[in-house]
Amino acid sequence: MSRHDVVISGIGLVSSLGEGPDAHWRKLVQPGLEPVLEATRFSPYTVHPLPEIDWNLQIAKRGDQRQMETWQRLGTYAAGMALDDAGIKGNDELCTTMDMVVAAGGGERDEAVDADILASSESRNDRDVLLNEKLTTELRPTLFLAQLSNLLAGNISIVHKVTGSSRTFMGEEGAGVAAVETAAARIRSGQSTHILVGGAFQTEHSDMLLGYELAGYLHRGPWRPVWQRQGLDGGGVVTGSGGAFLVLEQREHAISRGRKIYAELGPVVSGRAIRRQGELDAEIAALLSQAALPNGELLAISGASGAHAATAAEKSALDANPAIAARGFSTLTGHMKEAQFPFAVALAALAVERKAAYPAFDPASEKPFNGIPTTVLATAIGYHQFEGMALVNAAD
């Protein structure tokens, strides 16, 4: 045990299942929990939609709410929940010295402008001129600026007064892995004492779904659990809206504040296999080795997306170790892209803090876990690229 151990002292979660760590725990420990699905609005694709949210609870000024897109409001809201949970929100001394690492995607496009450009292009050949005309007359500069990925961190700073150093990573699940990995490394090295880290994803927007579908990744037809989409129509991914933020601290810093510690964050490892060369299976095996798994039965919170190749490779690797009992939480929340890995780490922390395992989310594909989890593995094998894992240990 070291004073520079990385501990988790605050959790903010939002998904189709509700808001907050307690609400998620209550639902996820219910055997046979049914997912919340929206299967008609974006047919033939299914999504896991956001619940009703009172944004005023974490974003007090309506002006701040109006200038954010939904994904930014979602991230700012989840970040506020994590700060509240850690007893940091409203404490000027802690907020001004707090660093931040955010995983973010691109902004939401103005679909009406896109449609107008496409419609106009059908009757004009000077499309370069047309595009410039539309860009200068239809898009407000402030709207364009709101698309910037680092605006999520900017809004968190404005709303919650977190004004230490700030870093934003892009790159789908890899952004979430890099954010947690970087935050943990800063704390271990003594560069930071407390960090806000996480991400958010709003899938209920056609252009977000388009990004997956252009490469054929989205599952089509009736919903199935994440491990049961192999060989079915489409690419296997069912997306979900959600956000996950964590407060990470040096152990000594958290203890000095008298805060409850959920868990200790152990090794965080990452890789980027060249999948077209068949490296994914070996990369997952290498990460499992680097993570230094403990002996005995091990609960794994898997961020598997359902994407056929990536999910099959992860399941094969986890099944090869008879001690591992995996829980694919995307079955119940959908795939949340940048927020996927922070969400997995949060669920792992809840399991060790509550001293109880989650029941099988898909009993036909997942093994039972009968012990008390003192160490939990969190994974995120990207649907397209990037792989990451972390061990989450009991705090004492």
Protein backbone atom coordinates (compact mmCIF):
# COMPACT_ATOMS: atom_id res chain seq x y z
CA MET A 1 0.00 0.00 0.00
CA SER A 2 1.33 3.43 -1.01
CA ARG A 3 0.16 6.98 -0.40
CA HIS A 4 0.23 7.35 -4.20
CA ASP A 5 -2.17 4.44 -4.70
CA VAL A 6 -4.99 5.46 -7.03
CA VAL A 7 -8.40 5.24 -5.39
CA ILE A 8 -11.90 5.90 -6.68
CA SER A 9 -13.77 8.31 -4.42
CA GLY A 10 -16.60 9.52 -6.64
CA ILE A 11 -18.82 7.98 -9.33
CA GLY A 12 -21.30 9.63 -11.67
CA LEU A 13 -23.33 7.38 -13.98
CA VAL A 14 -26.16 7.94 -16.43
CA SER A 15 -27.62 5.35 -18.78
CA SER A 16 -30.96 4.02 -19.95
CA LEU A 17 -31.17 2.32 -16.54
CA GLY A 18 -31.22 5.61 -14.63
CA GLU A 19 -28.91 8.00 -12.80
CA GLY A 20 -26.26 7.50 -10.15
CA PRO A 21 -24.29 4.56 -8.75
CA ASP A 22 -27.01 3.48 -6.30
CA ALA A 23 -29.73 3.37 -8.96
CA HIS A 24 -27.51 1.34 -11.27
CA TRP A 25 -26.51 -1.06 -8.52
CA ARG A 26 -30.12 -1.70 -7.49
CA LYS A 27 -31.11 -2.54 -11.05
CA LEU A 28 -28.04 -4.47 -12.13
CA VAL A 29 -28.18 -6.89 -9.20
CA GLN A 30 -31.74 -7.88 -10.13
CA PRO A 31 -31.64 -11.29 -11.86
CA GLY A 32 -33.38 -11.22 -15.20
CA LEU A 33 -33.39 -7.42 -15.54
CA GLU A 34 -34.87 -6.39 -18.89
CA PRO A 35 -33.09 -3.65 -20.87
CA VAL A 36 -34.74 -0.35 -21.79
CA LEU A 37 -34.97 -0.30 -25.58
CA GLU A 38 -36.11 2.02 -28.36
CA ALA A 39 -36.68 -0.10 -31.47
CA THR A 40 -38.91 2.06 -33.66
CA ARG A 41 -37.43 5.57 -33.83
CA PHE A 42 -34.30 4.45 -35.71
CA SER A 43 -35.57 1.18 -37.20
CA PRO A 44 -34.06 -1.22 -38.23
CA TYR A 45 -31.61 -0.27 -35.46
CA THR A 46 -32.30 -0.50 -31.74
CA VAL A 47 -30.86 1.91 -29.17
CA HIS A 48 -30.88 2.20 -25.38
CA PRO A 49 -32.29 5.73 -24.81
CA LEU A 50 -31.60 8.24 -22.07
CA PRO A 51 -34.02 8.38 -19.14
CA GLU A 52 -35.83 11.59 -18.28
CA ILE A 53 -33.23 13.94 -16.80
CA ASP A 54 -33.74 17.14 -14.86
CA TRP A 55 -30.66 18.98 -16.13
CA ASN A 56 -31.19 21.70 -13.51
CA LEU A 57 -29.94 19.36 -10.81
CA GLN A 58 -26.35 19.64 -12.06
CA ILE A 59 -26.43 22.55 -14.56
CA ALA A 60 -28.15 25.38 -12.73
CA LYS A 61 -28.06 28.07 -15.44
CA ARG A 62 -30.47 27.65 -18.34
CA GLY A 63 -28.09 29.64 -20.51
CA ASP A 64 -25.38 27.05 -19.94
CA GLN A 65 -27.81 24.28 -20.81
CA ARG A 66 -28.93 25.97 -24.04
CA GLN A 67 -25.45 26.42 -25.46
CA MET A 68 -24.58 22.73 -24.96
CA GLU A 69 -25.50 19.87 -27.22
CA THR A 70 -27.08 16.87 -25.51
CA TRP A 71 -23.82 14.92 -25.29
CA GLN A 72 -22.17 17.88 -23.57
CA ARG A 73 -25.06 18.32 -21.13
CA LEU A 74 -24.89 14.59 -20.44
CA GLY A 75 -21.16 14.67 -19.72
CA THR A 76 -21.41 17.81 -17.59
CA TYR A 77 -24.29 16.26 -15.67
CA ALA A 78 -22.45 12.98 -14.99
CA ALA A 79 -19.32 14.90 -14.01
CA GLY A 80 -21.34 16.92 -11.50
CA MET A 81 -22.72 13.72 -10.00
CA ALA A 82 -19.20 12.35 -9.54
CA LEU A 83 -18.04 15.58 -7.91
CA ASP A 84 -21.04 15.54 -5.59
CA ASP A 85 -20.39 11.90 -4.71
CA ALA A 86 -16.77 12.69 -3.83
CA GLY A 87 -17.66 15.72 -1.71
CA ILE A 88 -15.74 18.06 -4.03
CA LYS A 89 -18.48 20.03 -5.80
CA GLY A 90 -18.70 23.56 -4.42
CA ASN A 91 -15.35 23.33 -2.64
CA ASP A 92 -13.33 26.07 -4.34
CA GLU A 93 -9.98 24.89 -3.02
CA LEU A 94 -10.45 21.35 -4.27
CA CYS A 95 -12.03 22.35 -7.60
CA THR A 96 -9.35 24.87 -8.55
CA THR A 97 -6.58 22.34 -7.92
CA MET A 98 -8.39 19.45 -9.61
CA ASP A 99 -7.15 18.14 -12.95
CA MET A 100 -9.45 16.74 -15.61
CA VAL A 101 -9.09 14.12 -18.35
CA VAL A 102 -12.05 13.75 -20.72
CA ALA A 103 -12.84 11.21 -23.45
CA ALA A 104 -14.91 12.91 -26.14
CA GLY A 105 -16.11 12.37 -29.67
CA GLY A 106 -17.00 14.88 -32.35
CA GLY A 107 -20.02 17.13 -32.01
CA GLU A 108 -23.52 16.44 -33.24
CA ARG A 109 -24.10 17.66 -36.80
CA ASP A 110 -26.90 20.01 -37.82
CA GLU A 111 -28.97 17.48 -39.73
CA ALA A 112 -31.29 20.11 -41.22
CA VAL A 113 -28.33 21.91 -42.83
CA ASP A 114 -26.93 18.60 -44.12
CA ALA A 115 -30.29 17.77 -45.69
CA ASP A 116 -30.52 21.25 -47.26
CA ILE A 117 -27.05 20.93 -48.81
CA LEU A 118 -27.86 17.51 -50.25
CA ALA A 119 -31.21 18.71 -51.64
CA SER A 120 -29.64 21.80 -53.24
CA SER A 121 -26.83 19.74 -54.78
CA GLU A 122 -29.36 17.82 -56.87
CA SER A 123 -30.06 20.88 -59.01
CA ARG A 124 -26.62 22.52 -59.08
CA ASN A 125 -23.28 21.51 -60.54
CA ASP A 126 -21.16 24.20 -58.83
CA ARG A 127 -21.09 22.23 -55.62
CA ASP A 128 -17.93 23.84 -54.27
CA VAL A 129 -19.63 27.23 -54.46
CA LEU A 130 -22.83 25.78 -53.01
CA LEU A 131 -20.98 24.34 -50.04
CA ASN A 132 -19.28 27.65 -49.28
CA GLU A 133 -22.60 29.47 -49.53
CA LYS A 134 -24.26 27.14 -47.07
CA LEU A 135 -21.34 27.14 -44.65
CA THR A 136 -21.37 30.95 -44.51
CA THR A 137 -25.14 31.43 -44.33
CA GLU A 138 -26.54 28.40 -42.53
CA LEU A 139 -23.99 27.65 -39.81
CA ARG A 140 -23.51 30.09 -36.94
CA PRO A 141 -19.87 30.39 -35.74
CA THR A 142 -21.01 29.72 -32.19
CA LEU A 143 -22.70 26.52 -33.32
CA PHE A 144 -19.51 25.43 -35.05
CA LEU A 145 -17.45 26.16 -31.94
CA ALA A 146 -19.87 24.08 -29.86
CA GLN A 147 -18.86 21.04 -31.94
CA LEU A 148 -15.30 21.08 -30.63
CA SER A 149 -14.45 17.98 -28.62
CA ASN A 150 -12.70 19.90 -25.85
CA LEU A 151 -15.89 21.91 -25.23
CA LEU A 152 -17.09 19.12 -22.91
CA ALA A 153 -14.12 19.79 -20.63
CA GLY A 154 -14.70 23.51 -21.09
CA ASN A 155 -18.33 23.26 -20.01
CA ILE A 156 -17.39 21.16 -16.97
CA SER A 157 -14.89 23.86 -16.03
CA ILE A 158 -17.48 26.62 -16.45
CA VAL A 159 -20.33 24.87 -14.65
CA HIS A 160 -18.46 23.03 -11.89
CA LYS A 161 -15.41 25.31 -11.55
CA VAL A 162 -12.89 22.50 -12.12
CA THR A 163 -9.98 24.64 -13.29
CA GLY A 164 -6.78 22.63 -12.95
CA SER A 165 -5.09 21.18 -16.03
CA SER A 166 -7.34 19.68 -18.70
CA ARG A 167 -6.79 17.04 -21.38
CA THR A 168 -9.21 15.68 -23.96
CA PHE A 169 -8.72 12.40 -25.82
CA MET A 170 -10.54 11.33 -28.98
CA GLY A 171 -10.82 7.85 -30.44
CA GLU A 172 -13.94 5.94 -29.38
CA GLU A 173 -13.33 3.33 -26.63
CA GLY A 174 -9.63 4.06 -26.90
CA ALA A 175 -10.26 7.62 -25.70
CA GLY A 176 -11.87 6.29 -22.53
CA VAL A 177 -9.02 3.86 -21.92
CA ALA A 178 -6.37 6.54 -22.53
CA ALA A 179 -8.19 8.98 -20.25
CA VAL A 180 -8.28 6.55 -17.30
CA GLU A 181 -4.75 5.33 -17.99
CA THR A 182 -3.37 8.87 -18.12
CA ALA A 183 -5.23 10.00 -15.01
CA ALA A 184 -3.99 7.01 -13.04
CA ALA A 185 -0.40 7.55 -14.22
CA ARG A 186 -0.46 11.20 -13.13
CA ILE A 187 -1.62 10.26 -9.65
CA ARG A 188 0.91 7.43 -9.27
CA SER A 189 3.73 9.77 -10.29
CA GLY A 190 2.67 12.49 -7.87
CA GLN A 191 1.80 14.95 -10.66
CA SER A 192 -1.84 15.11 -9.52
CA THR A 193 -3.62 14.53 -6.24
CA HIS A 194 -7.20 14.36 -7.56
CA ILE A 195 -8.56 14.07 -11.08
CA LEU A 196 -11.98 14.05 -12.72
CA VAL A 197 -12.02 11.54 -15.59
CA GLY A 198 -14.74 10.19 -17.87
CA GLY A 199 -16.81 10.63 -20.99
CA ALA A 200 -20.30 10.72 -22.46
CA PHE A 201 -22.07 9.56 -25.59
CA GLN A 202 -25.47 10.50 -27.00
CA THR A 203 -26.59 7.95 -29.57
CA GLU A 204 -30.09 9.30 -30.23
CA HIS A 205 -28.92 11.36 -33.16
CA SER A 206 -28.92 10.00 -36.69
CA ASP A 207 -25.37 11.06 -37.56
CA MET A 208 -24.00 9.18 -34.54
CA LEU A 209 -25.61 5.98 -35.78
CA LEU A 210 -24.42 6.75 -39.30
CA GLY A 211 -20.81 6.70 -38.10
CA TYR A 212 -21.19 3.07 -37.02
CA GLU A 213 -23.30 1.96 -39.96
CA LEU A 214 -21.02 3.29 -42.70
CA ALA A 215 -18.68 0.42 -41.82
CA GLY A 216 -21.52 -2.04 -41.24
CA TYR A 217 -21.21 -2.29 -37.45
CA LEU A 218 -24.83 -1.86 -36.32
CA HIS A 219 -27.00 -4.83 -35.37
CA ARG A 220 -30.23 -5.09 -37.35
CA GLY A 221 -33.49 -6.71 -36.43
CA PRO A 222 -34.76 -7.92 -33.05
CA TRP A 223 -32.56 -7.14 -30.06
CA ARG A 224 -30.34 -9.87 -28.64
CA PRO A 225 -27.86 -9.90 -25.69
CA VAL A 226 -24.37 -8.72 -26.55
CA TRP A 227 -22.84 -12.22 -26.64
CA GLN A 228 -25.61 -13.62 -28.87
CA ARG A 229 -25.36 -11.47 -32.01
CA GLN A 230 -22.78 -13.52 -33.90
CA GLY A 231 -24.06 -14.56 -37.33
CA LEU A 232 -27.14 -12.33 -37.17
CA ASP A 233 -28.01 -9.53 -39.59
CA GLY A 234 -25.78 -6.48 -39.32
CA GLY A 235 -22.54 -5.88 -37.47
CA GLY A 236 -23.59 -6.67 -33.90
CA VAL A 237 -23.42 -3.27 -32.15
CA VAL A 238 -26.44 -1.88 -30.29
CA THR A 239 -25.66 1.60 -29.02
CA GLY A 240 -26.78 3.38 -25.88
CA SER A 241 -26.76 6.92 -24.55
CA GLY A 242 -24.90 7.43 -21.32
CA GLY A 243 -22.12 9.05 -19.36
CA ALA A 244 -19.59 7.92 -16.75
CA PHE A 245 -17.24 10.06 -14.68
CA LEU A 246 -14.92 9.04 -11.88
CA VAL A 247 -13.05 11.00 -9.24
CA LEU A 248 -9.60 9.44 -8.87
CA GLU A 249 -7.39 10.47 -5.94
CA GLN A 250 -4.17 9.64 -4.23
CA ARG A 251 -5.08 7.40 -1.33
CA GLU A 252 -3.49 9.80 1.15
CA HIS A 253 -5.44 12.74 -0.31
CA ALA A 254 -8.78 10.95 -0.02
CA ILE A 255 -8.06 9.76 3.53
CA SER A 256 -7.05 13.27 4.61
CA ARG A 257 -10.48 14.50 3.50
CA GLY A 258 -12.23 11.70 5.33
CA ARG A 259 -13.89 10.47 2.16
CA LYS A 260 -15.37 7.07 1.49
CA ILE A 261 -13.24 5.09 -0.95
CA TYR A 262 -15.05 2.81 -3.38
CA ALA A 263 -12.02 0.87 -4.59
CA GLU A 264 -8.38 1.01 -5.54
CA LEU A 265 -7.54 1.25 -9.23
CA GLY A 266 -4.79 -1.24 -10.01
CA PRO A 267 -2.91 -1.74 -13.29
CA VAL A 268 -4.41 -0.07 -16.36
CA VAL A 269 -3.07 -1.55 -19.60
CA SER A 270 -3.77 -0.77 -23.24
CA GLY A 271 -2.84 -1.89 -26.72
CA ARG A 272 -3.62 -1.31 -30.36
CA ALA A 273 -3.52 -4.51 -32.35
CA ILE A 274 -3.28 -4.39 -36.13
CA ARG A 275 -6.46 -6.35 -36.57
CA ARG A 276 -6.27 -6.75 -40.31
CA GLN A 277 -3.11 -8.76 -39.69
CA GLY A 278 -4.85 -11.02 -37.19
CA GLU A 279 -3.18 -9.61 -34.08
CA LEU A 280 -6.29 -9.13 -31.92
CA ASP A 281 -6.35 -12.54 -30.20
CA ALA A 282 -2.69 -12.27 -29.22
CA GLU A 283 -3.13 -8.68 -28.06
CA ILE A 284 -6.01 -9.56 -25.72
CA ALA A 285 -3.99 -12.45 -24.29
CA ALA A 286 -1.02 -10.11 -23.78
CA LEU A 287 -3.16 -7.56 -21.94
CA LEU A 288 -4.56 -10.24 -19.66
CA SER A 289 -0.99 -11.23 -18.86
CA GLN A 290 0.10 -7.63 -18.23
CA ALA A 291 -2.86 -7.02 -15.94
CA ALA A 292 -1.41 -9.54 -13.47
CA LEU A 293 -4.68 -11.29 -12.70
CA PRO A 294 -4.99 -12.73 -9.19
CA ASN A 295 -5.37 -16.43 -8.54
CA GLY A 296 -8.84 -17.82 -8.03
CA GLU A 297 -12.27 -16.90 -9.31
CA LEU A 298 -12.42 -13.49 -10.99
CA LEU A 299 -15.38 -11.34 -11.98
CA ALA A 300 -14.91 -9.42 -15.25
CA ILE A 301 -16.99 -6.40 -16.25
CA SER A 302 -16.75 -6.50 -20.02
CA GLY A 303 -17.38 -3.52 -22.25
CA ALA A 304 -17.89 -5.82 -25.25
CA SER A 305 -19.76 -3.93 -27.96
CA GLY A 306 -21.28 -6.85 -29.86
CA ALA A 307 -19.16 -6.12 -32.96
CA HIS A 308 -18.67 -9.60 -34.37
CA ALA A 309 -14.89 -9.94 -34.64
CA ALA A 310 -13.96 -7.97 -31.51
CA THR A 311 -16.61 -9.57 -29.31
CA ALA A 312 -15.84 -13.10 -30.47
CA ALA A 313 -12.13 -12.56 -29.79
CA GLU A 314 -12.78 -11.20 -26.29
CA LYS A 315 -15.22 -13.97 -25.41
CA SER A 316 -12.76 -16.61 -26.60
CA ALA A 317 -9.99 -15.11 -24.46
CA LEU A 318 -12.15 -14.82 -21.34
CA ASP A 319 -13.64 -18.29 -21.79
CA ALA A 320 -10.14 -19.73 -22.09
CA ASN A 321 -9.60 -18.87 -18.41
CA PRO A 322 -12.06 -21.00 -16.42
CA ALA A 323 -11.65 -18.73 -13.39
CA ILE A 324 -13.16 -15.70 -15.16
CA ALA A 325 -16.89 -15.03 -15.01
CA ALA A 326 -17.67 -12.22 -17.46
CA ARG A 327 -20.57 -9.77 -17.39
CA GLY A 328 -21.24 -7.96 -20.67
CA PHE A 329 -22.99 -4.82 -19.44
CA SER A 330 -23.75 -3.57 -22.96
CA THR A 331 -26.57 -6.12 -22.90
CA LEU A 332 -28.35 -3.76 -20.50
CA THR A 333 -26.96 -0.31 -21.36
CA GLY A 334 -25.92 -0.48 -24.99
CA HIS A 335 -22.50 0.50 -26.29
CA MET A 336 -21.51 3.99 -25.06
CA LYS A 337 -18.34 4.52 -27.08
CA GLU A 338 -16.07 7.02 -25.23
CA ALA A 339 -17.85 6.37 -21.92
CA GLN A 340 -17.57 2.58 -22.21
CA PHE A 341 -14.34 2.03 -20.28
CA PRO A 342 -15.02 4.53 -17.46
CA PHE A 343 -18.44 2.88 -17.09
CA ALA A 344 -16.86 -0.57 -16.82
CA VAL A 345 -14.41 0.68 -14.17
CA ALA A 346 -17.28 2.26 -12.23
CA LEU A 347 -19.31 -0.98 -12.23
CA ALA A 348 -16.22 -2.90 -11.11
CA ALA A 349 -15.70 -0.44 -8.24
CA LEU A 350 -19.30 -0.83 -7.12
CA ALA A 351 -18.95 -4.63 -7.00
CA VAL A 352 -15.87 -4.59 -4.76
CA GLU A 353 -17.30 -1.82 -2.56
CA ARG A 354 -20.64 -3.63 -2.10
CA LYS A 355 -18.84 -6.98 -1.68
CA ALA A 356 -21.22 -8.67 -4.11
CA ALA A 357 -21.14 -9.85 -7.71
CA TYR A 358 -23.60 -8.99 -10.44
CA PRO A 359 -25.82 -11.86 -11.54
CA ALA A 360 -25.41 -13.06 -15.10
CA PHE A 361 -26.80 -10.43 -17.47
CA ASP A 362 -27.14 -13.17 -20.08
CA PRO A 363 -27.52 -16.52 -18.26
CA ALA A 364 -27.24 -18.45 -21.51
CA SER A 365 -23.73 -17.08 -22.15
CA GLU A 366 -22.29 -16.04 -18.78
CA LYS A 367 -21.03 -18.20 -15.93
CA PRO A 368 -22.22 -17.73 -12.34
CA PHE A 369 -19.96 -16.09 -9.76
CA ASN A 370 -20.56 -17.26 -6.22
CA GLY A 371 -17.84 -15.59 -4.19
CA ILE A 372 -17.23 -12.09 -2.85
CA PRO A 373 -15.30 -10.09 -5.45
CA THR A 374 -12.23 -8.42 -3.98
CA THR A 375 -10.67 -7.83 -7.38
CA VAL A 376 -12.64 -7.19 -10.59
CA LEU A 377 -11.34 -6.92 -14.15
CA ALA A 378 -12.76 -4.16 -16.37
CA THR A 379 -12.31 -4.45 -20.14
CA ALA A 380 -12.94 -2.45 -23.29
CA ILE A 381 -12.06 -4.19 -26.53
CA GLY A 382 -12.90 -1.54 -29.11
CA TYR A 383 -15.50 -2.37 -31.69
CA HIS A 384 -13.10 -1.15 -34.40
CA GLN A 385 -9.71 -0.63 -32.74
CA PHE A 386 -7.90 -0.13 -29.40
CA GLU A 387 -7.98 -2.47 -26.43
CA GLY A 388 -7.81 -1.77 -22.71
CA MET A 389 -8.14 -3.40 -19.30
CA ALA A 390 -7.91 -2.43 -15.65
CA LEU A 391 -7.89 -4.27 -12.34
CA VAL A 392 -10.09 -2.77 -9.64
CA ASN A 393 -9.32 -3.90 -6.09
CA ALA A 394 -11.04 -3.63 -2.75
CA ALA A 395 -9.86 -0.48 -0.98
CA ASP A 396 -8.78 -2.18 2.27
